[in-house]
Amino acid sequence: MTDYMGNILEELKQSSKEVNMNEFSSLINLINNAKHIFLSGAGRSGLVTQCFANRLMHLGFSVNVVGEISAPHSSPGDLLVVCSSSGETASLKSLVKKAKQSEVKVALVTANKKSTLAKQADTILSLPGKRKNEKSNKNDFFQPMGSSFEQLAFLTFDNIVLNFMEKKQETSEMMHLRHADFE
């Protein structure tokens, strides 16, 4: 049995240094100014966005994950946050097209700044990472497929949460009051 934890953590540490803080700030500003926030992603990136939606709700933001039966109708002034490593997922392209038609701002978290979704987004937060179907090269990431992107997205979203906690003077205890009590 081999312990790869050190390799994984080192990869994430190095990748985190490449996050553009201007892009990071732009995403925070869009979230802060949105009337309502919708979040979406596919596969494992979708799971990461669900975790982020949960924390934004704990902070008091009005949020829904796209596809929830209780999600409201969108309106101008809302924000759609999409997490997609490739920026080419067909279902997400369709969703972003509809959001733009509804005058909803779009923020994209991606590893592909040249993607179809990137061309439609109002702001992009580019994270380093190998896309799941990308061929290996000499500068390859240690982990398989999109793992490093998804993990860095999770950590980046937690970084956003901590920034909002500081900005809103929220504590973990205050956030816990918004935590589900029917479990």
N, C-alpha and C. Protein backbone atom coordinates (compact mmCIF):
# COMPACT_ATOMS: atom_id res chain seq x y z
N MET A 1 0.86 -1.17 0.00
CA MET A 1 0.00 0.00 0.00
C MET A 1 0.90 1.23 0.00
N THR A 2 0.61 2.18 -0.88
CA THR A 2 1.38 3.42 -0.97
C THR A 2 0.54 4.59 -0.47
N ASP A 3 1.14 5.47 0.31
CA ASP A 3 0.45 6.66 0.79
C ASP A 3 0.77 7.82 -0.15
N TYR A 4 -0.21 8.24 -0.94
CA TYR A 4 -0.04 9.31 -1.92
C TYR A 4 -0.47 10.68 -1.39
N MET A 5 -0.89 10.77 -0.14
CA MET A 5 -1.42 12.01 0.40
C MET A 5 -0.47 13.19 0.21
N GLY A 6 0.80 12.99 0.47
CA GLY A 6 1.79 14.06 0.30
C GLY A 6 1.83 14.57 -1.13
N ASN A 7 1.76 13.64 -2.10
CA ASN A 7 1.76 14.02 -3.51
C ASN A 7 0.53 14.86 -3.86
N ILE A 8 -0.62 14.43 -3.37
CA ILE A 8 -1.88 15.13 -3.64
C ILE A 8 -1.83 16.54 -3.04
N LEU A 9 -1.42 16.63 -1.78
CA LEU A 9 -1.37 17.93 -1.11
C LEU A 9 -0.36 18.87 -1.77
N GLU A 10 0.76 18.34 -2.20
CA GLU A 10 1.77 19.16 -2.88
C GLU A 10 1.23 19.68 -4.21
N GLU A 11 0.54 18.82 -4.95
CA GLU A 11 -0.05 19.23 -6.21
C GLU A 11 -1.06 20.37 -5.99
N LEU A 12 -1.90 20.22 -4.98
CA LEU A 12 -2.89 21.26 -4.69
C LEU A 12 -2.23 22.54 -4.20
N LYS A 13 -1.18 22.41 -3.41
CA LYS A 13 -0.45 23.58 -2.93
C LYS A 13 0.14 24.37 -4.10
N GLN A 14 0.77 23.67 -5.02
CA GLN A 14 1.37 24.33 -6.18
C GLN A 14 0.29 24.94 -7.08
N SER A 15 -0.79 24.20 -7.29
CA SER A 15 -1.88 24.70 -8.14
C SER A 15 -2.55 25.92 -7.53
N SER A 16 -2.69 25.94 -6.21
CA SER A 16 -3.35 27.07 -5.55
C SER A 16 -2.59 28.38 -5.76
N LYS A 17 -1.30 28.30 -5.97
CA LYS A 17 -0.49 29.49 -6.21
C LYS A 17 -0.79 30.12 -7.56
N GLU A 18 -1.44 29.37 -8.45
CA GLU A 18 -1.75 29.87 -9.79
C GLU A 18 -3.13 30.51 -9.89
N VAL A 19 -3.89 30.51 -8.82
CA VAL A 19 -5.22 31.11 -8.84
C VAL A 19 -5.07 32.63 -8.95
N ASN A 20 -5.75 33.21 -9.94
CA ASN A 20 -5.70 34.64 -10.18
C ASN A 20 -6.62 35.35 -9.18
N MET A 21 -6.04 36.15 -8.32
CA MET A 21 -6.82 36.79 -7.25
C MET A 21 -7.77 37.87 -7.79
N ASN A 22 -7.48 38.44 -8.96
CA ASN A 22 -8.43 39.39 -9.57
C ASN A 22 -9.68 38.64 -10.02
N GLU A 23 -9.49 37.47 -10.62
CA GLU A 23 -10.64 36.65 -11.01
C GLU A 23 -11.42 36.20 -9.77
N PHE A 24 -10.69 35.82 -8.74
CA PHE A 24 -11.29 35.40 -7.47
C PHE A 24 -12.16 36.53 -6.90
N SER A 25 -11.63 37.75 -6.87
CA SER A 25 -12.36 38.91 -6.36
C SER A 25 -13.58 39.22 -7.21
N SER A 26 -13.46 39.07 -8.50
CA SER A 26 -14.57 39.32 -9.41
C SER A 26 -15.74 38.37 -9.11
N LEU A 27 -15.43 37.10 -8.85
CA LEU A 27 -16.47 36.13 -8.51
C LEU A 27 -17.13 36.50 -7.18
N ILE A 28 -16.34 36.88 -6.21
CA ILE A 28 -16.88 37.28 -4.90
C ILE A 28 -17.83 38.46 -5.07
N ASN A 29 -17.45 39.44 -5.88
CA ASN A 29 -18.30 40.61 -6.09
C ASN A 29 -19.62 40.24 -6.75
N LEU A 30 -19.59 39.36 -7.75
CA LEU A 30 -20.83 38.93 -8.40
C LEU A 30 -21.74 38.21 -7.41
N ILE A 31 -21.17 37.34 -6.60
CA ILE A 31 -21.96 36.62 -5.60
C ILE A 31 -22.58 37.60 -4.62
N ASN A 32 -21.79 38.53 -4.14
CA ASN A 32 -22.25 39.48 -3.14
C ASN A 32 -23.39 40.37 -3.65
N ASN A 33 -23.39 40.67 -4.95
CA ASN A 33 -24.37 41.58 -5.52
C ASN A 33 -25.56 40.88 -6.16
N ALA A 34 -25.58 39.57 -6.16
CA ALA A 34 -26.67 38.82 -6.81
C ALA A 34 -27.93 38.84 -5.95
N LYS A 35 -29.08 38.94 -6.62
CA LYS A 35 -30.36 38.82 -5.90
C LYS A 35 -30.54 37.38 -5.44
N HIS A 36 -30.31 36.45 -6.36
CA HIS A 36 -30.43 35.02 -6.08
C HIS A 36 -29.29 34.32 -6.81
N ILE A 37 -28.78 33.26 -6.23
CA ILE A 37 -27.66 32.54 -6.82
C ILE A 37 -28.09 31.12 -7.14
N PHE A 38 -27.90 30.74 -8.41
CA PHE A 38 -28.10 29.37 -8.87
C PHE A 38 -26.72 28.77 -9.09
N LEU A 39 -26.55 27.50 -8.77
CA LEU A 39 -25.27 26.83 -8.98
C LEU A 39 -25.47 25.55 -9.74
N SER A 40 -24.50 25.22 -10.61
CA SER A 40 -24.62 24.00 -11.39
C SER A 40 -23.24 23.49 -11.80
N GLY A 41 -23.20 22.21 -12.03
CA GLY A 41 -22.02 21.53 -12.54
C GLY A 41 -22.46 20.12 -12.87
N ALA A 42 -21.64 19.40 -13.57
CA ALA A 42 -21.97 18.02 -13.92
C ALA A 42 -20.96 17.09 -13.26
N GLY A 43 -21.41 15.90 -12.94
CA GLY A 43 -20.52 14.91 -12.34
C GLY A 43 -19.94 15.36 -11.02
N ARG A 44 -18.65 15.11 -10.84
CA ARG A 44 -17.99 15.47 -9.58
C ARG A 44 -17.92 16.98 -9.37
N SER A 45 -17.80 17.74 -10.46
CA SER A 45 -17.84 19.21 -10.33
C SER A 45 -19.20 19.64 -9.82
N GLY A 46 -20.24 18.92 -10.20
CA GLY A 46 -21.58 19.21 -9.70
C GLY A 46 -21.68 18.98 -8.21
N LEU A 47 -21.02 17.94 -7.72
CA LEU A 47 -21.02 17.67 -6.27
C LEU A 47 -20.33 18.80 -5.52
N VAL A 48 -19.24 19.31 -6.08
CA VAL A 48 -18.51 20.41 -5.46
C VAL A 48 -19.41 21.65 -5.38
N THR A 49 -20.18 21.93 -6.44
CA THR A 49 -21.05 23.11 -6.43
C THR A 49 -22.17 22.94 -5.41
N GLN A 50 -22.63 21.71 -5.20
CA GLN A 50 -23.66 21.48 -4.19
C GLN A 50 -23.14 21.82 -2.80
N CYS A 51 -21.91 21.44 -2.52
CA CYS A 51 -21.30 21.78 -1.23
C CYS A 51 -21.19 23.30 -1.07
N PHE A 52 -20.79 23.97 -2.14
CA PHE A 52 -20.65 25.42 -2.10
C PHE A 52 -22.01 26.09 -1.89
N ALA A 53 -23.04 25.60 -2.57
CA ALA A 53 -24.40 26.15 -2.40
C ALA A 53 -24.83 26.04 -0.94
N ASN A 54 -24.53 24.90 -0.33
CA ASN A 54 -24.90 24.68 1.06
C ASN A 54 -24.24 25.71 1.97
N ARG A 55 -22.96 25.97 1.76
CA ARG A 55 -22.26 26.95 2.60
C ARG A 55 -22.75 28.37 2.35
N LEU A 56 -23.06 28.70 1.09
CA LEU A 56 -23.61 30.03 0.81
C LEU A 56 -24.94 30.22 1.53
N MET A 57 -25.76 29.18 1.57
CA MET A 57 -27.02 29.23 2.31
C MET A 57 -26.75 29.44 3.79
N HIS A 58 -25.75 28.76 4.32
CA HIS A 58 -25.40 28.94 5.74
C HIS A 58 -24.96 30.38 6.03
N LEU A 59 -24.43 31.05 5.01
CA LEU A 59 -24.02 32.45 5.16
C LEU A 59 -25.19 33.42 5.00
N GLY A 60 -26.36 32.90 4.63
CA GLY A 60 -27.54 33.75 4.50
C GLY A 60 -27.86 34.18 3.09
N PHE A 61 -27.13 33.67 2.09
CA PHE A 61 -27.44 33.99 0.71
C PHE A 61 -28.67 33.21 0.24
N SER A 62 -29.38 33.77 -0.72
CA SER A 62 -30.51 33.11 -1.35
C SER A 62 -29.95 32.26 -2.49
N VAL A 63 -29.96 30.94 -2.32
CA VAL A 63 -29.31 30.05 -3.29
C VAL A 63 -30.16 28.81 -3.59
N ASN A 64 -29.91 28.26 -4.77
CA ASN A 64 -30.45 26.96 -5.16
C ASN A 64 -29.49 26.29 -6.12
N VAL A 65 -29.46 24.97 -6.04
CA VAL A 65 -28.76 24.18 -7.05
C VAL A 65 -29.74 23.98 -8.19
N VAL A 66 -29.29 24.20 -9.41
CA VAL A 66 -30.15 24.02 -10.58
C VAL A 66 -30.70 22.60 -10.58
N GLY A 67 -31.99 22.47 -10.79
CA GLY A 67 -32.64 21.17 -10.84
C GLY A 67 -33.41 20.83 -9.59
N GLU A 68 -33.18 21.57 -8.50
CA GLU A 68 -33.96 21.35 -7.28
C GLU A 68 -35.41 21.73 -7.55
N ILE A 69 -36.31 20.92 -7.10
CA ILE A 69 -37.73 21.16 -7.36
C ILE A 69 -38.22 22.46 -6.74
N SER A 70 -37.57 22.93 -5.69
CA SER A 70 -38.00 24.15 -5.02
C SER A 70 -37.29 25.40 -5.54
N ALA A 71 -36.47 25.26 -6.59
CA ALA A 71 -35.76 26.41 -7.14
C ALA A 71 -36.75 27.40 -7.76
N PRO A 72 -36.57 28.69 -7.52
CA PRO A 72 -37.49 29.69 -8.08
C PRO A 72 -37.16 30.00 -9.54
N HIS A 73 -38.04 30.75 -10.16
CA HIS A 73 -37.83 31.25 -11.51
C HIS A 73 -36.69 32.26 -11.46
N SER A 74 -35.86 32.29 -12.48
CA SER A 74 -34.76 33.26 -12.52
C SER A 74 -35.27 34.63 -12.94
N SER A 75 -34.48 35.65 -12.62
CA SER A 75 -34.81 37.01 -13.04
C SER A 75 -33.52 37.81 -13.20
N PRO A 76 -33.60 38.92 -13.96
CA PRO A 76 -32.41 39.77 -14.10
C PRO A 76 -31.89 40.17 -12.71
N GLY A 77 -30.58 40.17 -12.57
CA GLY A 77 -29.97 40.46 -11.28
C GLY A 77 -29.55 39.20 -10.54
N ASP A 78 -30.00 38.04 -11.03
CA ASP A 78 -29.59 36.77 -10.45
C ASP A 78 -28.23 36.37 -11.01
N LEU A 79 -27.64 35.36 -10.43
CA LEU A 79 -26.33 34.86 -10.84
C LEU A 79 -26.39 33.34 -10.98
N LEU A 80 -25.79 32.84 -12.04
CA LEU A 80 -25.59 31.41 -12.22
C LEU A 80 -24.09 31.13 -12.11
N VAL A 81 -23.70 30.31 -11.13
CA VAL A 81 -22.31 29.89 -10.97
C VAL A 81 -22.20 28.49 -11.52
N VAL A 82 -21.35 28.32 -12.53
CA VAL A 82 -21.16 27.02 -13.18
C VAL A 82 -19.73 26.57 -12.92
N CYS A 83 -19.59 25.31 -12.52
CA CYS A 83 -18.26 24.72 -12.33
C CYS A 83 -18.10 23.63 -13.39
N SER A 84 -17.16 23.83 -14.30
CA SER A 84 -16.93 22.87 -15.39
C SER A 84 -15.48 22.92 -15.81
N SER A 85 -14.77 21.86 -15.56
CA SER A 85 -13.37 21.80 -15.93
C SER A 85 -13.18 22.05 -17.42
N SER A 86 -13.94 21.35 -18.25
CA SER A 86 -13.78 21.45 -19.71
C SER A 86 -14.43 22.70 -20.28
N GLY A 87 -15.52 23.15 -19.66
CA GLY A 87 -16.27 24.27 -20.21
C GLY A 87 -17.03 23.89 -21.46
N GLU A 88 -17.19 22.59 -21.69
CA GLU A 88 -17.83 22.12 -22.92
C GLU A 88 -18.96 21.12 -22.67
N THR A 89 -19.39 20.94 -21.43
CA THR A 89 -20.46 20.00 -21.12
C THR A 89 -21.77 20.48 -21.75
N ALA A 90 -22.37 19.63 -22.57
CA ALA A 90 -23.55 20.02 -23.36
C ALA A 90 -24.69 20.56 -22.50
N SER A 91 -25.01 19.88 -21.41
CA SER A 91 -26.12 20.33 -20.57
C SER A 91 -25.84 21.70 -19.96
N LEU A 92 -24.59 21.97 -19.63
CA LEU A 92 -24.22 23.26 -19.04
C LEU A 92 -24.23 24.36 -20.09
N LYS A 93 -23.86 24.02 -21.33
CA LYS A 93 -23.92 25.01 -22.41
C LYS A 93 -25.36 25.45 -22.63
N SER A 94 -26.28 24.51 -22.60
CA SER A 94 -27.69 24.82 -22.77
C SER A 94 -28.19 25.69 -21.62
N LEU A 95 -27.79 25.37 -20.42
CA LEU A 95 -28.19 26.12 -19.23
C LEU A 95 -27.68 27.56 -19.29
N VAL A 96 -26.43 27.73 -19.67
CA VAL A 96 -25.84 29.08 -19.75
C VAL A 96 -26.53 29.90 -20.84
N LYS A 97 -26.86 29.27 -21.94
CA LYS A 97 -27.57 29.97 -23.02
C LYS A 97 -28.91 30.50 -22.50
N LYS A 98 -29.63 29.67 -21.76
CA LYS A 98 -30.92 30.09 -21.20
C LYS A 98 -30.72 31.21 -20.18
N ALA A 99 -29.69 31.11 -19.35
CA ALA A 99 -29.40 32.15 -18.36
C ALA A 99 -29.14 33.49 -19.04
N LYS A 100 -28.36 33.48 -20.09
CA LYS A 100 -28.05 34.72 -20.80
C LYS A 100 -29.30 35.32 -21.42
N GLN A 101 -30.18 34.47 -21.95
CA GLN A 101 -31.46 34.95 -22.51
C GLN A 101 -32.33 35.57 -21.42
N SER A 102 -32.19 35.11 -20.20
CA SER A 102 -32.99 35.61 -19.07
C SER A 102 -32.30 36.76 -18.34
N GLU A 103 -31.20 37.24 -18.89
CA GLU A 103 -30.42 38.35 -18.32
C GLU A 103 -29.88 38.02 -16.93
N VAL A 104 -29.52 36.76 -16.75
CA VAL A 104 -28.87 36.29 -15.53
C VAL A 104 -27.37 36.30 -15.77
N LYS A 105 -26.63 36.87 -14.85
CA LYS A 105 -25.17 36.89 -14.97
C LYS A 105 -24.64 35.47 -14.80
N VAL A 106 -23.52 35.18 -15.48
CA VAL A 106 -22.92 33.85 -15.43
C VAL A 106 -21.47 33.95 -14.98
N ALA A 107 -21.14 33.17 -13.96
CA ALA A 107 -19.75 33.04 -13.49
C ALA A 107 -19.33 31.60 -13.75
N LEU A 108 -18.17 31.44 -14.33
CA LEU A 108 -17.66 30.11 -14.67
C LEU A 108 -16.37 29.83 -13.92
N VAL A 109 -16.33 28.68 -13.26
CA VAL A 109 -15.10 28.18 -12.65
C VAL A 109 -14.66 27.03 -13.55
N THR A 110 -13.46 27.15 -14.13
CA THR A 110 -13.06 26.22 -15.19
C THR A 110 -11.54 26.07 -15.27
N ALA A 111 -11.13 25.03 -15.96
CA ALA A 111 -9.71 24.85 -16.29
C ALA A 111 -9.46 25.22 -17.75
N ASN A 112 -10.52 25.67 -18.45
CA ASN A 112 -10.42 25.94 -19.88
C ASN A 112 -10.97 27.33 -20.20
N LYS A 113 -10.09 28.34 -20.17
CA LYS A 113 -10.51 29.72 -20.42
C LYS A 113 -10.90 29.97 -21.87
N LYS A 114 -10.66 29.00 -22.75
CA LYS A 114 -10.98 29.18 -24.17
C LYS A 114 -12.21 28.39 -24.58
N SER A 115 -12.95 27.88 -23.62
CA SER A 115 -14.10 27.03 -23.89
C SER A 115 -15.31 27.82 -24.37
N THR A 116 -16.30 27.09 -24.83
CA THR A 116 -17.57 27.68 -25.23
C THR A 116 -18.21 28.42 -24.06
N LEU A 117 -18.22 27.81 -22.87
CA LEU A 117 -18.81 28.45 -21.70
C LEU A 117 -18.03 29.71 -21.31
N ALA A 118 -16.73 29.68 -21.43
CA ALA A 118 -15.91 30.83 -21.08
C ALA A 118 -16.26 32.04 -21.95
N LYS A 119 -16.56 31.78 -23.21
CA LYS A 119 -16.91 32.87 -24.13
C LYS A 119 -18.24 33.51 -23.76
N GLN A 120 -19.09 32.82 -23.02
CA GLN A 120 -20.41 33.33 -22.66
C GLN A 120 -20.46 33.89 -21.24
N ALA A 121 -19.46 33.59 -20.43
CA ALA A 121 -19.48 33.97 -19.01
C ALA A 121 -19.21 35.46 -18.82
N ASP A 122 -19.83 36.01 -17.78
CA ASP A 122 -19.57 37.40 -17.39
C ASP A 122 -18.26 37.50 -16.62
N THR A 123 -17.92 36.45 -15.90
CA THR A 123 -16.63 36.39 -15.20
C THR A 123 -16.17 34.94 -15.19
N ILE A 124 -14.86 34.78 -15.20
CA ILE A 124 -14.25 33.45 -15.20
C ILE A 124 -13.25 33.37 -14.07
N LEU A 125 -13.31 32.26 -13.34
CA LEU A 125 -12.26 31.94 -12.37
C LEU A 125 -11.58 30.70 -12.92
N SER A 126 -10.39 30.90 -13.42
CA SER A 126 -9.63 29.81 -14.03
C SER A 126 -8.79 29.11 -12.98
N LEU A 127 -8.99 27.81 -12.88
CA LEU A 127 -8.20 27.00 -11.96
C LEU A 127 -7.35 26.02 -12.75
N PRO A 128 -6.11 25.80 -12.34
CA PRO A 128 -5.30 24.81 -13.02
C PRO A 128 -5.85 23.41 -12.76
N GLY A 129 -5.68 22.56 -13.71
CA GLY A 129 -6.14 21.18 -13.55
C GLY A 129 -6.27 20.52 -14.89
N LYS A 130 -6.07 19.22 -14.88
CA LYS A 130 -6.22 18.44 -16.11
C LYS A 130 -7.68 18.06 -16.26
N ARG A 131 -8.21 18.27 -17.45
CA ARG A 131 -9.58 17.86 -17.72
C ARG A 131 -9.63 16.35 -17.87
N LYS A 132 -10.78 15.76 -17.55
CA LYS A 132 -10.88 14.30 -17.47
C LYS A 132 -10.52 13.59 -18.77
N ASN A 133 -10.76 14.21 -19.91
CA ASN A 133 -10.48 13.55 -21.19
C ASN A 133 -9.21 14.09 -21.86
N GLU A 134 -8.45 14.89 -21.13
CA GLU A 134 -7.24 15.48 -21.67
C GLU A 134 -6.12 14.45 -21.71
N LYS A 135 -5.36 14.44 -22.80
CA LYS A 135 -4.24 13.51 -22.93
C LYS A 135 -3.08 13.97 -22.04
N SER A 136 -2.31 13.01 -21.59
CA SER A 136 -1.17 13.30 -20.73
C SER A 136 -0.05 13.96 -21.52
N ASN A 137 0.73 14.80 -20.82
CA ASN A 137 1.93 15.37 -21.40
C ASN A 137 2.98 15.48 -20.30
N LYS A 138 4.13 16.02 -20.63
CA LYS A 138 5.24 16.06 -19.67
C LYS A 138 4.92 16.92 -18.44
N ASN A 139 3.99 17.87 -18.55
CA ASN A 139 3.62 18.73 -17.42
C ASN A 139 2.34 18.24 -16.76
N ASP A 140 2.10 16.95 -16.88
CA ASP A 140 0.86 16.35 -16.41
C ASP A 140 0.69 16.51 -14.91
N PHE A 141 -0.55 16.49 -14.48
CA PHE A 141 -0.87 16.48 -13.06
C PHE A 141 -0.71 15.06 -12.53
N PHE A 142 -0.40 14.97 -11.26
CA PHE A 142 -0.17 13.67 -10.63
C PHE A 142 -1.45 12.83 -10.59
N GLN A 143 -2.55 13.46 -10.24
CA GLN A 143 -3.80 12.73 -10.06
C GLN A 143 -4.50 12.46 -11.40
N PRO A 144 -5.36 11.46 -11.42
CA PRO A 144 -6.03 11.10 -12.67
C PRO A 144 -7.17 12.06 -13.02
N MET A 145 -7.43 12.13 -14.29
CA MET A 145 -8.58 12.83 -14.85
C MET A 145 -8.76 14.21 -14.24
N GLY A 146 -9.92 14.56 -13.72
CA GLY A 146 -10.17 15.90 -13.22
C GLY A 146 -10.04 16.06 -11.73
N SER A 147 -9.44 15.09 -11.05
CA SER A 147 -9.39 15.13 -9.58
C SER A 147 -8.78 16.41 -9.02
N SER A 148 -7.65 16.84 -9.56
CA SER A 148 -6.99 18.02 -8.99
C SER A 148 -7.85 19.27 -9.21
N PHE A 149 -8.53 19.38 -10.34
CA PHE A 149 -9.42 20.52 -10.58
C PHE A 149 -10.56 20.53 -9.57
N GLU A 150 -11.20 19.40 -9.40
CA GLU A 150 -12.35 19.32 -8.48
C GLU A 150 -11.95 19.63 -7.05
N GLN A 151 -10.81 19.11 -6.63
CA GLN A 151 -10.34 19.37 -5.26
C GLN A 151 -9.99 20.84 -5.08
N LEU A 152 -9.33 21.42 -6.08
CA LEU A 152 -8.97 22.83 -5.99
C LEU A 152 -10.22 23.71 -6.03
N ALA A 153 -11.23 23.32 -6.80
CA ALA A 153 -12.50 24.05 -6.82
C ALA A 153 -13.13 24.02 -5.43
N PHE A 154 -13.15 22.86 -4.80
CA PHE A 154 -13.71 22.73 -3.45
C PHE A 154 -12.99 23.67 -2.49
N LEU A 155 -11.66 23.65 -2.52
CA LEU A 155 -10.87 24.51 -1.63
C LEU A 155 -11.07 25.99 -1.95
N THR A 156 -11.18 26.31 -3.22
CA THR A 156 -11.40 27.70 -3.64
C THR A 156 -12.75 28.18 -3.15
N PHE A 157 -13.78 27.34 -3.27
CA PHE A 157 -15.10 27.70 -2.76
C PHE A 157 -15.07 27.89 -1.25
N ASP A 158 -14.33 27.07 -0.54
CA ASP A 158 -14.18 27.26 0.91
C ASP A 158 -13.45 28.56 1.21
N ASN A 159 -12.49 28.93 0.37
CA ASN A 159 -11.79 30.20 0.52
C ASN A 159 -12.77 31.36 0.35
N ILE A 160 -13.69 31.24 -0.60
CA ILE A 160 -14.72 32.27 -0.79
C ILE A 160 -15.59 32.37 0.45
N VAL A 161 -15.99 31.22 1.00
CA VAL A 161 -16.82 31.19 2.20
C VAL A 161 -16.10 31.91 3.35
N LEU A 162 -14.84 31.61 3.55
CA LEU A 162 -14.08 32.26 4.63
C LEU A 162 -13.99 33.77 4.41
N ASN A 163 -13.85 34.20 3.15
CA ASN A 163 -13.82 35.63 2.86
C ASN A 163 -15.15 36.29 3.21
N PHE A 164 -16.27 35.61 2.88
CA PHE A 164 -17.58 36.15 3.23
C PHE A 164 -17.80 36.13 4.73
N MET A 165 -17.31 35.12 5.42
CA MET A 165 -17.43 35.09 6.88
C MET A 165 -16.76 36.33 7.48
N GLU A 166 -15.58 36.63 6.97
CA GLU A 166 -14.86 37.81 7.46
C GLU A 166 -15.61 39.09 7.10
N LYS A 167 -16.04 39.21 5.85
CA LYS A 167 -16.72 40.42 5.37
C LYS A 167 -18.04 40.66 6.11
N LYS A 168 -18.80 39.58 6.36
CA LYS A 168 -20.10 39.70 7.00
C LYS A 168 -20.03 39.53 8.52
N GLN A 169 -18.82 39.32 9.02
CA GLN A 169 -18.59 39.08 10.45
C GLN A 169 -19.44 37.91 10.95
N GLU A 170 -19.46 36.86 10.16
CA GLU A 170 -20.19 35.63 10.51
C GLU A 170 -19.25 34.68 11.25
N THR A 171 -19.80 33.96 12.20
CA THR A 171 -19.04 32.92 12.88
C THR A 171 -19.64 31.58 12.51
N SER A 172 -18.92 30.54 12.81
CA SER A 172 -19.43 29.19 12.58
C SER A 172 -20.72 28.98 13.37
N GLU A 173 -20.77 29.53 14.57
CA GLU A 173 -21.97 29.39 15.40
C GLU A 173 -23.17 30.09 14.77
N MET A 174 -22.95 31.27 14.19
CA MET A 174 -24.03 32.00 13.51
C MET A 174 -24.51 31.22 12.28
N MET A 175 -23.56 30.66 11.55
CA MET A 175 -23.92 29.89 10.36
C MET A 175 -24.70 28.63 10.75
N HIS A 176 -24.33 28.05 11.89
CA HIS A 176 -25.00 26.83 12.33
C HIS A 176 -26.49 27.06 12.59
N LEU A 177 -26.88 28.28 12.93
CA LEU A 177 -28.29 28.59 13.14
C LEU A 177 -29.10 28.46 11.85
N ARG A 178 -28.41 28.50 10.69
CA ARG A 178 -29.07 28.33 9.40
C ARG A 178 -28.93 26.89 8.89
N HIS A 179 -28.26 26.06 9.64
CA HIS A 179 -28.06 24.66 9.26
C HIS A 179 -29.39 23.90 9.40
N ALA A 180 -29.61 22.95 8.53
CA ALA A 180 -30.84 22.14 8.59
C ALA A 180 -31.00 21.50 9.96
N ASP A 181 -32.21 21.55 10.49
CA ASP A 181 -32.47 20.87 11.76
C ASP A 181 -33.31 19.62 11.54
N PHE A 182 -33.90 19.46 10.37
CA PHE A 182 -34.60 18.23 10.01
C PHE A 182 -33.63 17.38 9.20
N GLU A 183 -32.99 16.44 9.84
CA GLU A 183 -32.01 15.59 9.15
C GLU A 183 -32.35 14.13 9.38
